[in-house]
Amino acid sequence: MELVGLVPLLVAVAFGVAQLLAAGIVHGLADHAAQAGAMALLQDGGSPSEAARDALPGWARDRAEVDVRGGRVLVTLRPPSPLEPVARALAAHATADAGATT
């Protein structure tokens, strides 16, 4: 029986499962970061971009893009992946609205 031929398939399946798990994790992290940025807008004094980045774990900060438009904070976070096109395809997008800011 040739089990060696199954090794590449098993590696590919394991990689796919790991990428999907990472995508799920970054979705929750992006949502949390967007909410932290919106809270900074409401509290008058903090930078919403900094607050959003500070809400992320260290490994994710360089993989995040934070955009503040009016009272809305948009966070895009790419999961860790050895293949950048896969990370871009699985990126999480989250928005939090602080309402009308003065």
PDB file of N, CA and C in Angstrom:
ATOM      1  N   MET A   1       0.839  -1.183   0.000  1.00  0.00           N
ATOM      2  CA  MET A   1       0.000   0.000   0.000  1.00  0.00           C
ATOM      3  C   MET A   1       0.887   1.251   0.000  1.00  0.00           C
ATOM      4  N   GLU A   2       0.602   2.194  -0.891  1.00  0.00           N
ATOM      5  CA  GLU A   2       1.413   3.412  -1.002  1.00  0.00           C
ATOM      6  C   GLU A   2       0.792   4.556  -0.209  1.00  0.00           C
ATOM      7  N   LEU A   3       1.173   4.674   1.031  1.00  0.00           N
ATOM      8  CA  LEU A   3       0.671   5.765   1.871  1.00  0.00           C
ATOM      9  C   LEU A   3       1.456   7.052   1.646  1.00  0.00           C
ATOM     10  N   VAL A   4       2.641   6.924   1.097  1.00  0.00           N
ATOM     11  CA  VAL A   4       3.473   8.099   0.844  1.00  0.00           C
ATOM     12  C   VAL A   4       2.775   9.061  -0.112  1.00  0.00           C
ATOM     13  N   GLY A   5       2.002   8.535  -1.030  1.00  0.00           N
ATOM     14  CA  GLY A   5       1.276   9.378  -1.980  1.00  0.00           C
ATOM     15  C   GLY A   5       0.191  10.226  -1.321  1.00  0.00           C
ATOM     16  N   LEU A   6      -0.254   9.813  -0.146  1.00  0.00           N
ATOM     17  CA  LEU A   6      -1.281  10.579   0.570  1.00  0.00           C
ATOM     18  C   LEU A   6      -0.713  11.749   1.363  1.00  0.00           C
ATOM     19  N   VAL A   7       0.578  11.736   1.622  1.00  0.00           N
ATOM     20  CA  VAL A   7       1.195  12.776   2.452  1.00  0.00           C
ATOM     21  C   VAL A   7       0.947  14.183   1.886  1.00  0.00           C
ATOM     22  N   PRO A   8       1.178  14.444   0.601  1.00  0.00           N
ATOM     23  CA  PRO A   8       0.905  15.796   0.086  1.00  0.00           C
ATOM     24  C   PRO A   8      -0.564  16.206   0.243  1.00  0.00           C
ATOM     25  N   LEU A   9      -1.453  15.257   0.047  1.00  0.00           N
ATOM     26  CA  LEU A   9      -2.877  15.557   0.207  1.00  0.00           C
ATOM     27  C   LEU A   9      -3.197  15.903   1.656  1.00  0.00           C
ATOM     28  N   LEU A  10      -2.654  15.140   2.584  1.00  0.00           N
ATOM     29  CA  LEU A  10      -2.892  15.416   4.006  1.00  0.00           C
ATOM     30  C   LEU A  10      -2.305  16.758   4.425  1.00  0.00           C
ATOM     31  N   VAL A  11      -1.150  17.094   3.895  1.00  0.00           N
ATOM     32  CA  VAL A  11      -0.536  18.389   4.192  1.00  0.00           C
ATOM     33  C   VAL A  11      -1.409  19.528   3.647  1.00  0.00           C
ATOM     34  N   ALA A  12      -1.913  19.366   2.437  1.00  0.00           N
ATOM     35  CA  ALA A  12      -2.769  20.392   1.838  1.00  0.00           C
ATOM     36  C   ALA A  12      -4.060  20.565   2.630  1.00  0.00           C
ATOM     37  N   VAL A  13      -4.657  19.469   3.062  1.00  0.00           N
ATOM     38  CA  VAL A  13      -5.893  19.547   3.859  1.00  0.00           C
ATOM     39  C   VAL A  13      -5.613  20.211   5.201  1.00  0.00           C
ATOM     40  N   ALA A  14      -4.514  19.847   5.844  1.00  0.00           N
ATOM     41  CA  ALA A  14      -4.158  20.458   7.129  1.00  0.00           C
ATOM     42  C   ALA A  14      -3.911  21.959   6.965  1.00  0.00           C
ATOM     43  N   PHE A  15      -3.246  22.349   5.881  1.00  0.00           N
ATOM     44  CA  PHE A  15      -3.003  23.767   5.615  1.00  0.00           C
ATOM     45  C   PHE A  15      -4.330  24.513   5.433  1.00  0.00           C
ATOM     46  N   GLY A  16      -5.235  23.922   4.673  1.00  0.00           N
ATOM     47  CA  GLY A  16      -6.533  24.550   4.450  1.00  0.00           C
ATOM     48  C   GLY A  16      -7.322  24.724   5.733  1.00  0.00           C
ATOM     49  N   VAL A  17      -7.333  23.710   6.562  1.00  0.00           N
ATOM     50  CA  VAL A  17      -8.050  23.784   7.839  1.00  0.00           C
ATOM     51  C   VAL A  17      -7.415  24.856   8.732  1.00  0.00           C
ATOM     52  N   ALA A  18      -6.089  24.886   8.789  1.00  0.00           N
ATOM     53  CA  ALA A  18      -5.406  25.896   9.608  1.00  0.00           C
ATOM     54  C   ALA A  18      -5.720  27.309   9.117  1.00  0.00           C
ATOM     55  N   GLN A  19      -5.773  27.505   7.806  1.00  0.00           N
ATOM     56  CA  GLN A  19      -6.074  28.836   7.260  1.00  0.00           C
ATOM     57  C   GLN A  19      -7.507  29.247   7.586  1.00  0.00           C
ATOM     58  N   LEU A  20      -8.435  28.313   7.525  1.00  0.00           N
ATOM     59  CA  LEU A  20      -9.824  28.637   7.863  1.00  0.00           C
ATOM     60  C   LEU A  20      -9.969  28.972   9.344  1.00  0.00           C
ATOM     61  N   LEU A  21      -9.252  28.254  10.197  1.00  0.00           N
ATOM     62  CA  LEU A  21      -9.275  28.584  11.629  1.00  0.00           C
ATOM     63  C   LEU A  21      -8.680  29.972  11.877  1.00  0.00           C
ATOM     64  N   ALA A  22      -7.576  30.274  11.204  1.00  0.00           N
ATOM     65  CA  ALA A  22      -6.956  31.596  11.354  1.00  0.00           C
ATOM     66  C   ALA A  22      -7.898  32.690  10.868  1.00  0.00           C
ATOM     67  N   ALA A  23      -8.618  32.429   9.781  1.00  0.00           N
ATOM     68  CA  ALA A  23      -9.570  33.416   9.261  1.00  0.00           C
ATOM     69  C   ALA A  23     -10.681  33.681  10.274  1.00  0.00           C
ATOM     70  N   GLY A  24     -11.140  32.641  10.948  1.00  0.00           N
ATOM     71  CA  GLY A  24     -12.165  32.817  11.972  1.00  0.00           C
ATOM     72  C   GLY A  24     -11.660  33.635  13.151  1.00  0.00           C
ATOM     73  N   ILE A  25     -10.434  33.395  13.541  1.00  0.00           N
ATOM     74  CA  ILE A  25      -9.855  34.133  14.664  1.00  0.00           C
ATOM     75  C   ILE A  25      -9.704  35.615  14.316  1.00  0.00           C
ATOM     76  N   VAL A  26      -9.184  35.920  13.124  1.00  0.00           N
ATOM     77  CA  VAL A  26      -8.969  37.323  12.780  1.00  0.00           C
ATOM     78  C   VAL A  26     -10.287  38.066  12.581  1.00  0.00           C
ATOM     79  N   HIS A  27     -11.354  37.351  12.247  1.00  0.00           N
ATOM     80  CA  HIS A  27     -12.651  38.013  12.133  1.00  0.00           C
ATOM     81  C   HIS A  27     -13.077  38.581  13.483  1.00  0.00           C
ATOM     82  N   GLY A  28     -12.947  37.773  14.535  1.00  0.00           N
ATOM     83  CA  GLY A  28     -13.278  38.248  15.878  1.00  0.00           C
ATOM     84  C   GLY A  28     -12.347  39.355  16.347  1.00  0.00           C
ATOM     85  N   LEU A  29     -11.061  39.235  16.033  1.00  0.00           N
ATOM     86  CA  LEU A  29     -10.096  40.263  16.424  1.00  0.00           C
ATOM     87  C   LEU A  29     -10.376  41.586  15.715  1.00  0.00           C
ATOM     88  N   ALA A  30     -10.721  41.534  14.435  1.00  0.00           N
ATOM     89  CA  ALA A  30     -11.008  42.758  13.680  1.00  0.00           C
ATOM     90  C   ALA A  30     -12.244  43.451  14.253  1.00  0.00           C
ATOM     91  N   ASP A  31     -13.250  42.675  14.597  1.00  0.00           N
ATOM     92  CA  ASP A  31     -14.466  43.246  15.178  1.00  0.00           C
ATOM     93  C   ASP A  31     -14.157  43.932  16.515  1.00  0.00           C
ATOM     94  N   HIS A  32     -13.380  43.270  17.338  1.00  0.00           N
ATOM     95  CA  HIS A  32     -12.994  43.832  18.643  1.00  0.00           C
ATOM     96  C   HIS A  32     -12.179  45.125  18.463  1.00  0.00           C
ATOM     97  N   ALA A  33     -11.256  45.122  17.511  1.00  0.00           N
ATOM     98  CA  ALA A  33     -10.423  46.304  17.268  1.00  0.00           C
ATOM     99  C   ALA A  33     -11.262  47.474  16.764  1.00  0.00           C
ATOM    100  N   ALA A  34     -12.215  47.209  15.881  1.00  0.00           N
ATOM    101  CA  ALA A  34     -13.083  48.279  15.378  1.00  0.00           C
ATOM    102  C   ALA A  34     -13.910  48.877  16.515  1.00  0.00           C
ATOM    103  N   GLN A  35     -14.407  48.040  17.395  1.00  0.00           N
ATOM    104  CA  GLN A  35     -15.176  48.533  18.541  1.00  0.00           C
ATOM    105  C   GLN A  35     -14.305  49.377  19.473  1.00  0.00           C
ATOM    106  N   ALA A  36     -13.062  48.952  19.684  1.00  0.00           N
ATOM    107  CA  ALA A  36     -12.151  49.726  20.528  1.00  0.00           C
ATOM    108  C   ALA A  36     -11.874  51.092  19.903  1.00  0.00           C
ATOM    109  N   GLY A  37     -11.716  51.135  18.587  1.00  0.00           N
ATOM    110  CA  GLY A  37     -11.507  52.414  17.909  1.00  0.00           C
ATOM    111  C   GLY A  37     -12.719  53.322  18.026  1.00  0.00           C
ATOM    112  N   ALA A  38     -13.915  52.757  17.897  1.00  0.00           N
ATOM    113  CA  ALA A  38     -15.141  53.553  18.029  1.00  0.00           C
ATOM    114  C   ALA A  38     -15.293  54.085  19.455  1.00  0.00           C
ATOM    115  N   MET A  39     -14.920  53.289  20.438  1.00  0.00           N
ATOM    116  CA  MET A  39     -14.978  53.749  21.832  1.00  0.00           C
ATOM    117  C   MET A  39     -14.015  54.913  22.056  1.00  0.00           C
ATOM    118  N   ALA A  40     -12.857  54.877  21.433  1.00  0.00           N
ATOM    119  CA  ALA A  40     -11.901  55.985  21.551  1.00  0.00           C
ATOM    120  C   ALA A  40     -12.491  57.254  20.956  1.00  0.00           C
ATOM    121  N   LEU A  41     -13.246  57.134  19.868  1.00  0.00           N
ATOM    122  CA  LEU A  41     -13.912  58.306  19.293  1.00  0.00           C
ATOM    123  C   LEU A  41     -14.927  58.892  20.270  1.00  0.00           C
ATOM    124  N   LEU A  42     -15.650  58.023  20.938  1.00  0.00           N
ATOM    125  CA  LEU A  42     -16.680  58.478  21.877  1.00  0.00           C
ATOM    126  C   LEU A  42     -16.090  59.100  23.136  1.00  0.00           C
ATOM    127  N   GLN A  43     -14.897  58.683  23.517  1.00  0.00           N
ATOM    128  CA  GLN A  43     -14.301  59.158  24.758  1.00  0.00           C
ATOM    129  C   GLN A  43     -13.517  60.446  24.597  1.00  0.00           C
ATOM    130  N   ASP A  44     -13.484  60.999  23.398  1.00  0.00           N
ATOM    131  CA  ASP A  44     -12.824  62.288  23.165  1.00  0.00           C
ATOM    132  C   ASP A  44     -11.429  62.364  23.785  1.00  0.00           C
ATOM    133  N   GLY A  45     -10.454  61.967  23.083  1.00  0.00           N
ATOM    134  CA  GLY A  45      -9.112  62.126  23.621  1.00  0.00           C
ATOM    135  C   GLY A  45      -8.132  61.123  23.068  1.00  0.00           C
ATOM    136  N   GLY A  46      -8.603  59.954  22.729  1.00  0.00           N
ATOM    137  CA  GLY A  46      -7.686  58.958  22.202  1.00  0.00           C
ATOM    138  C   GLY A  46      -7.748  58.898  20.691  1.00  0.00           C
ATOM    139  N   SER A  47      -6.707  58.399  20.131  1.00  0.00           N
ATOM    140  CA  SER A  47      -6.679  58.189  18.693  1.00  0.00           C
ATOM    141  C   SER A  47      -7.413  56.884  18.390  1.00  0.00           C
ATOM    142  N   PRO A  48      -8.442  56.916  17.553  1.00  0.00           N
ATOM    143  CA  PRO A  48      -9.155  55.685  17.243  1.00  0.00           C
ATOM    144  C   PRO A  48      -8.277  54.657  16.529  1.00  0.00           C
ATOM    145  N   SER A  49      -7.357  55.131  15.699  1.00  0.00           N
ATOM    146  CA  SER A  49      -6.452  54.194  15.015  1.00  0.00           C
ATOM    147  C   SER A  49      -5.540  53.493  16.007  1.00  0.00           C
ATOM    148  N   GLU A  50      -5.001  54.259  16.941  1.00  0.00           N
ATOM    149  CA  GLU A  50      -4.132  53.669  17.969  1.00  0.00           C
ATOM    150  C   GLU A  50      -4.906  52.709  18.851  1.00  0.00           C
ATOM    151  N   ALA A  51      -6.113  53.097  19.243  1.00  0.00           N
ATOM    152  CA  ALA A  51      -6.933  52.240  20.110  1.00  0.00           C
ATOM    153  C   ALA A  51      -7.255  50.926  19.409  1.00  0.00           C
ATOM    154  N   ALA A  52      -7.562  51.003  18.127  1.00  0.00           N
ATOM    155  CA  ALA A  52      -7.869  49.782  17.376  1.00  0.00           C
ATOM    156  C   ALA A  52      -6.645  48.885  17.308  1.00  0.00           C
ATOM    157  N   ARG A  53      -5.486  49.453  17.020  1.00  0.00           N
ATOM    158  CA  ARG A  53      -4.261  48.639  16.947  1.00  0.00           C
ATOM    159  C   ARG A  53      -3.871  48.081  18.317  1.00  0.00           C
ATOM    160  N   ASP A  54      -4.056  48.886  19.365  1.00  0.00           N
ATOM    161  CA  ASP A  54      -3.720  48.418  20.712  1.00  0.00           C
ATOM    162  C   ASP A  54      -4.617  47.265  21.159  1.00  0.00           C
ATOM    163  N   ALA A  55      -5.812  47.164  20.592  1.00  0.00           N
ATOM    164  CA  ALA A  55      -6.734  46.090  20.949  1.00  0.00           C
ATOM    165  C   ALA A  55      -6.340  44.757  20.302  1.00  0.00           C
ATOM    166  N   LEU A  56      -5.402  44.806  19.379  1.00  0.00           N
ATOM    167  CA  LEU A  56      -4.966  43.595  18.688  1.00  0.00           C
ATOM    168  C   LEU A  56      -3.740  42.994  19.361  1.00  0.00           C
ATOM    169  N   PRO A  57      -3.571  41.676  19.284  1.00  0.00           N
ATOM    170  CA  PRO A  57      -2.328  41.081  19.792  1.00  0.00           C
ATOM    171  C   PRO A  57      -1.149  41.522  18.921  1.00  0.00           C
ATOM    172  N   GLY A  58       0.036  41.456  19.468  1.00  0.00           N
ATOM    173  CA  GLY A  58       1.225  41.951  18.775  1.00  0.00           C
ATOM    174  C   GLY A  58       1.411  41.404  17.374  1.00  0.00           C
ATOM    175  N   TRP A  59       1.178  40.121  17.174  1.00  0.00           N
ATOM    176  CA  TRP A  59       1.399  39.519  15.858  1.00  0.00           C
ATOM    177  C   TRP A  59       0.445  40.061  14.802  1.00  0.00           C
ATOM    178  N   ALA A  60      -0.692  40.602  15.222  1.00  0.00           N
ATOM    179  CA  ALA A  60      -1.706  41.047  14.265  1.00  0.00           C
ATOM    180  C   ALA A  60      -1.588  42.527  13.902  1.00  0.00           C
ATOM    181  N   ARG A  61      -0.859  43.292  14.674  1.00  0.00           N
ATOM    182  CA  ARG A  61      -0.823  44.748  14.457  1.00  0.00           C
ATOM    183  C   ARG A  61      -0.264  45.125  13.093  1.00  0.00           C
ATOM    184  N   ASP A  62       0.748  44.422  12.636  1.00  0.00           N
ATOM    185  CA  ASP A  62       1.330  44.731  11.328  1.00  0.00           C
ATOM    186  C   ASP A  62       0.460  44.235  10.177  1.00  0.00           C
ATOM    187  N   ARG A  63      -0.500  43.397  10.474  1.00  0.00           N
ATOM    188  CA  ARG A  63      -1.360  42.823   9.448  1.00  0.00           C
ATOM    189  C   ARG A  63      -2.695  43.557   9.358  1.00  0.00           C
ATOM    190  N   ALA A  64      -2.822  44.661  10.106  1.00  0.00           N
ATOM    191  CA  ALA A  64      -4.092  45.390  10.174  1.00  0.00           C
ATOM    192  C   ALA A  64      -4.020  46.715   9.430  1.00  0.00           C
ATOM    193  N   GLU A  65      -5.137  47.084   8.848  1.00  0.00           N
ATOM    194  CA  GLU A  65      -5.322  48.408   8.267  1.00  0.00           C
ATOM    195  C   GLU A  65      -6.521  49.032   8.964  1.00  0.00           C
ATOM    196  N   VAL A  66      -6.337  50.237   9.470  1.00  0.00           N
ATOM    197  CA  VAL A  66      -7.404  50.939  10.187  1.00  0.00           C
ATOM    198  C   VAL A  66      -7.720  52.217   9.440  1.00  0.00           C
ATOM    199  N   ASP A  67      -8.992  52.419   9.172  1.00  0.00           N
ATOM    200  CA  ASP A  67      -9.451  53.605   8.458  1.00  0.00           C
ATOM    201  C   ASP A  67     -10.557  54.246   9.281  1.00  0.00           C
ATOM    202  N   VAL A  68     -10.419  55.533   9.569  1.00  0.00           N
ATOM    203  CA  VAL A  68     -11.428  56.259  10.340  1.00  0.00           C
ATOM    204  C   VAL A  68     -12.081  57.280   9.430  1.00  0.00           C
ATOM    205  N   ARG A  69     -13.386  57.178   9.299  1.00  0.00           N
ATOM    206  CA  ARG A  69     -14.161  58.104   8.463  1.00  0.00           C
ATOM    207  C   ARG A  69     -15.321  58.635   9.284  1.00  0.00           C
ATOM    208  N   GLY A  70     -15.176  59.878   9.700  1.00  0.00           N
ATOM    209  CA  GLY A  70     -16.227  60.459  10.533  1.00  0.00           C
ATOM    210  C   GLY A  70     -16.332  59.694  11.837  1.00  0.00           C
ATOM    211  N   GLY A  71     -17.502  59.168  12.112  1.00  0.00           N
ATOM    212  CA  GLY A  71     -17.719  58.403  13.337  1.00  0.00           C
ATOM    213  C   GLY A  71     -17.628  56.908  13.130  1.00  0.00           C
ATOM    214  N   ARG A  72     -17.044  56.485  12.030  1.00  0.00           N
ATOM    215  CA  ARG A  72     -16.971  55.061  11.703  1.00  0.00           C
ATOM    216  C   ARG A  72     -15.519  54.603  11.646  1.00  0.00           C
ATOM    217  N   VAL A  73     -15.253  53.456  12.256  1.00  0.00           N
ATOM    218  CA  VAL A  73     -13.916  52.867  12.256  1.00  0.00           C
ATOM    219  C   VAL A  73     -13.992  51.561  11.466  1.00  0.00           C
ATOM    220  N   LEU A  74     -13.151  51.462  10.435  1.00  0.00           N
ATOM    221  CA  LEU A  74     -13.096  50.258   9.600  1.00  0.00           C
ATOM    222  C   LEU A  74     -11.753  49.567   9.820  1.00  0.00           C
ATOM    223  N   VAL A  75     -11.782  48.291  10.120  1.00  0.00           N
ATOM    224  CA  VAL A  75     -10.555  47.524  10.346  1.00  0.00           C
ATOM    225  C   VAL A  75     -10.528  46.353   9.363  1.00  0.00           C
ATOM    226  N   THR A  76      -9.417  46.221   8.668  1.00  0.00           N
ATOM    227  CA  THR A  76      -9.174  45.073   7.807  1.00  0.00           C
ATOM    228  C   THR A  76      -7.973  44.344   8.379  1.00  0.00           C
ATOM    229  N   LEU A  77      -8.136  43.053   8.609  1.00  0.00           N
ATOM    230  CA  LEU A  77      -7.076  42.264   9.230  1.00  0.00           C
ATOM    231  C   LEU A  77      -6.850  40.996   8.414  1.00  0.00           C
ATOM    232  N   ARG A  78      -5.593  40.786   8.013  1.00  0.00           N
ATOM    233  CA  ARG A  78      -5.220  39.596   7.250  1.00  0.00           C
ATOM    234  C   ARG A  78      -4.721  38.514   8.200  1.00  0.00           C
ATOM    235  N   PRO A  79      -5.165  37.279   8.001  1.00  0.00           N
ATOM    236  CA  PRO A  79      -4.672  36.198   8.863  1.00  0.00           C
ATOM    237  C   PRO A  79      -3.222  35.850   8.520  1.00  0.00           C
ATOM    238  N   PRO A  80      -2.498  35.262   9.466  1.00  0.00           N
ATOM    239  CA  PRO A  80      -1.144  34.831   9.153  1.00  0.00           C
ATOM    240  C   PRO A  80      -1.188  33.701   8.125  1.00  0.00           C
ATOM    241  N   SER A  81      -0.337  33.793   7.141  1.00  0.00           N
ATOM    242  CA  SER A  81      -0.284  32.769   6.105  1.00  0.00           C
ATOM    243  C   SER A  81       1.053  32.866   5.376  1.00  0.00           C
ATOM    244  N   PRO A  82       1.625  31.735   5.021  1.00  0.00           N
ATOM    245  CA  PRO A  82       2.862  31.793   4.234  1.00  0.00           C
ATOM    246  C   PRO A  82       2.589  32.245   2.791  1.00  0.00           C
ATOM    247  N   LEU A  83       1.339  32.249   2.394  1.00  0.00           N
ATOM    248  CA  LEU A  83       0.957  32.663   1.041  1.00  0.00           C
ATOM    249  C   LEU A  83       0.145  33.951   1.117  1.00  0.00           C
ATOM    250  N   GLU A  84       0.744  35.067   0.719  1.00  0.00           N
ATOM    251  CA  GLU A  84       0.086  36.362   0.831  1.00  0.00           C
ATOM    252  C   GLU A  84      -1.244  36.439   0.067  1.00  0.00           C
ATOM    253  N   PRO A  85      -1.374  35.847  -1.111  1.00  0.00           N
ATOM    254  CA  PRO A  85      -2.681  35.884  -1.783  1.00  0.00           C
ATOM    255  C   PRO A  85      -3.786  35.205  -0.960  1.00  0.00           C
ATOM    256  N   VAL A  86      -3.430  34.147  -0.237  1.00  0.00           N
ATOM    257  CA  VAL A  86      -4.412  33.476   0.622  1.00  0.00           C
ATOM    258  C   VAL A  86      -4.804  34.399   1.769  1.00  0.00           C
ATOM    259  N   ALA A  87      -3.817  35.073   2.364  1.00  0.00           N
ATOM    260  CA  ALA A  87      -4.108  36.003   3.461  1.00  0.00           C
ATOM    261  C   ALA A  87      -5.010  37.132   2.993  1.00  0.00           C
ATOM    262  N   ARG A  88      -4.761  37.668   1.800  1.00  0.00           N
ATOM    263  CA  ARG A  88      -5.620  38.741   1.277  1.00  0.00           C
ATOM    264  C   ARG A  88      -7.033  38.240   1.016  1.00  0.00           C
ATOM    265  N   ALA A  89      -7.143  37.027   0.496  1.00  0.00           N
ATOM    266  CA  ALA A  89      -8.470  36.473   0.188  1.00  0.00           C
ATOM    267  C   ALA A  89      -9.280  36.195   1.448  1.00  0.00           C
ATOM    268  N   LEU A  90      -8.607  35.856   2.535  1.00  0.00           N
ATOM    269  CA  LEU A  90      -9.297  35.520   3.780  1.00  0.00           C
ATOM    270  C   LEU A  90      -9.335  36.682   4.774  1.00  0.00           C
ATOM    271  N   ALA A  91      -8.989  37.888   4.335  1.00  0.00           N
ATOM    272  CA  ALA A  91      -8.963  39.042   5.228  1.00  0.00           C
ATOM    273  C   ALA A  91     -10.346  39.300   5.828  1.00  0.00           C
ATOM    274  N   ALA A  92     -10.344  39.704   7.083  1.00  0.00           N
ATOM    275  CA  ALA A  92     -11.585  40.051   7.773  1.00  0.00           C
ATOM    276  C   ALA A  92     -11.779  41.552   7.730  1.00  0.00           C
ATOM    277  N   HIS A  93     -12.999  41.967   7.531  1.00  0.00           N
ATOM    278  CA  HIS A  93     -13.357  43.384   7.488  1.00  0.00           C
ATOM    279  C   HIS A  93     -14.404  43.633   8.576  1.00  0.00           C
ATOM    280  N   ALA A  94     -14.151  44.618   9.418  1.00  0.00           N
ATOM    281  CA  ALA A  94     -15.098  44.931  10.498  1.00  0.00           C
ATOM    282  C   ALA A  94     -15.297  46.439  10.567  1.00  0.00           C
ATOM    283  N   THR A  95     -16.508  46.823  10.917  1.00  0.00           N
ATOM    284  CA  THR A  95     -16.850  48.241  11.038  1.00  0.00           C
ATOM    285  C   THR A  95     -17.564  48.466  12.356  1.00  0.00           C
ATOM    286  N   ALA A  96     -17.219  49.542  13.022  1.00  0.00           N
ATOM    287  CA  ALA A  96     -17.930  49.957  14.227  1.00  0.00           C
ATOM    288  C   ALA A  96     -18.261  51.430  14.076  1.00  0.00           C
ATOM    289  N   ASP A  97     -19.470  51.777  14.458  1.00  0.00           N
ATOM    290  CA  ASP A  97     -19.962  53.134  14.293  1.00  0.00           C
ATOM    291  C   ASP A  97     -20.113  53.791  15.662  1.00  0.00           C
ATOM    292  N   ALA A  98     -19.457  54.938  15.828  1.00  0.00           N
ATOM    293  CA  ALA A  98     -19.546  55.670  17.089  1.00  0.00           C
ATOM    294  C   ALA A  98     -20.704  56.669  17.063  1.00  0.00           C
ATOM    295  N   GLY A  99     -21.425  56.702  15.985  1.00  0.00           N
ATOM    296  CA  GLY A  99     -22.523  57.657  15.861  1.00  0.00           C
ATOM    297  C   GLY A  99     -21.979  59.022  15.449  1.00  0.00           C
ATOM    298  N   ALA A 100     -22.792  60.011  15.590  1.00  0.00           N
ATOM    299  CA  ALA A 100     -22.378  61.381  15.226  1.00  0.00           C
ATOM    300  C   ALA A 100     -21.376  61.883  16.238  1.00  0.00           C
ATOM    301  N   THR A 101     -20.200  62.276  15.760  1.00  0.00           N
ATOM    302  CA  THR A 101     -19.181  62.834  16.650  1.00  0.00           C
ATOM    303  C   THR A 101     -19.176  64.336  16.502  1.00  0.00           C
ATOM    304  N   THR A 102     -18.812  65.009  17.557  1.00  0.00           N
ATOM    305  CA  THR A 102     -18.802  66.475  17.524  1.00  0.00           C
ATOM    306  C   THR A 102     -17.414  67.006  17.396  1.00  0.00           C
TER     307      THR A 102
END
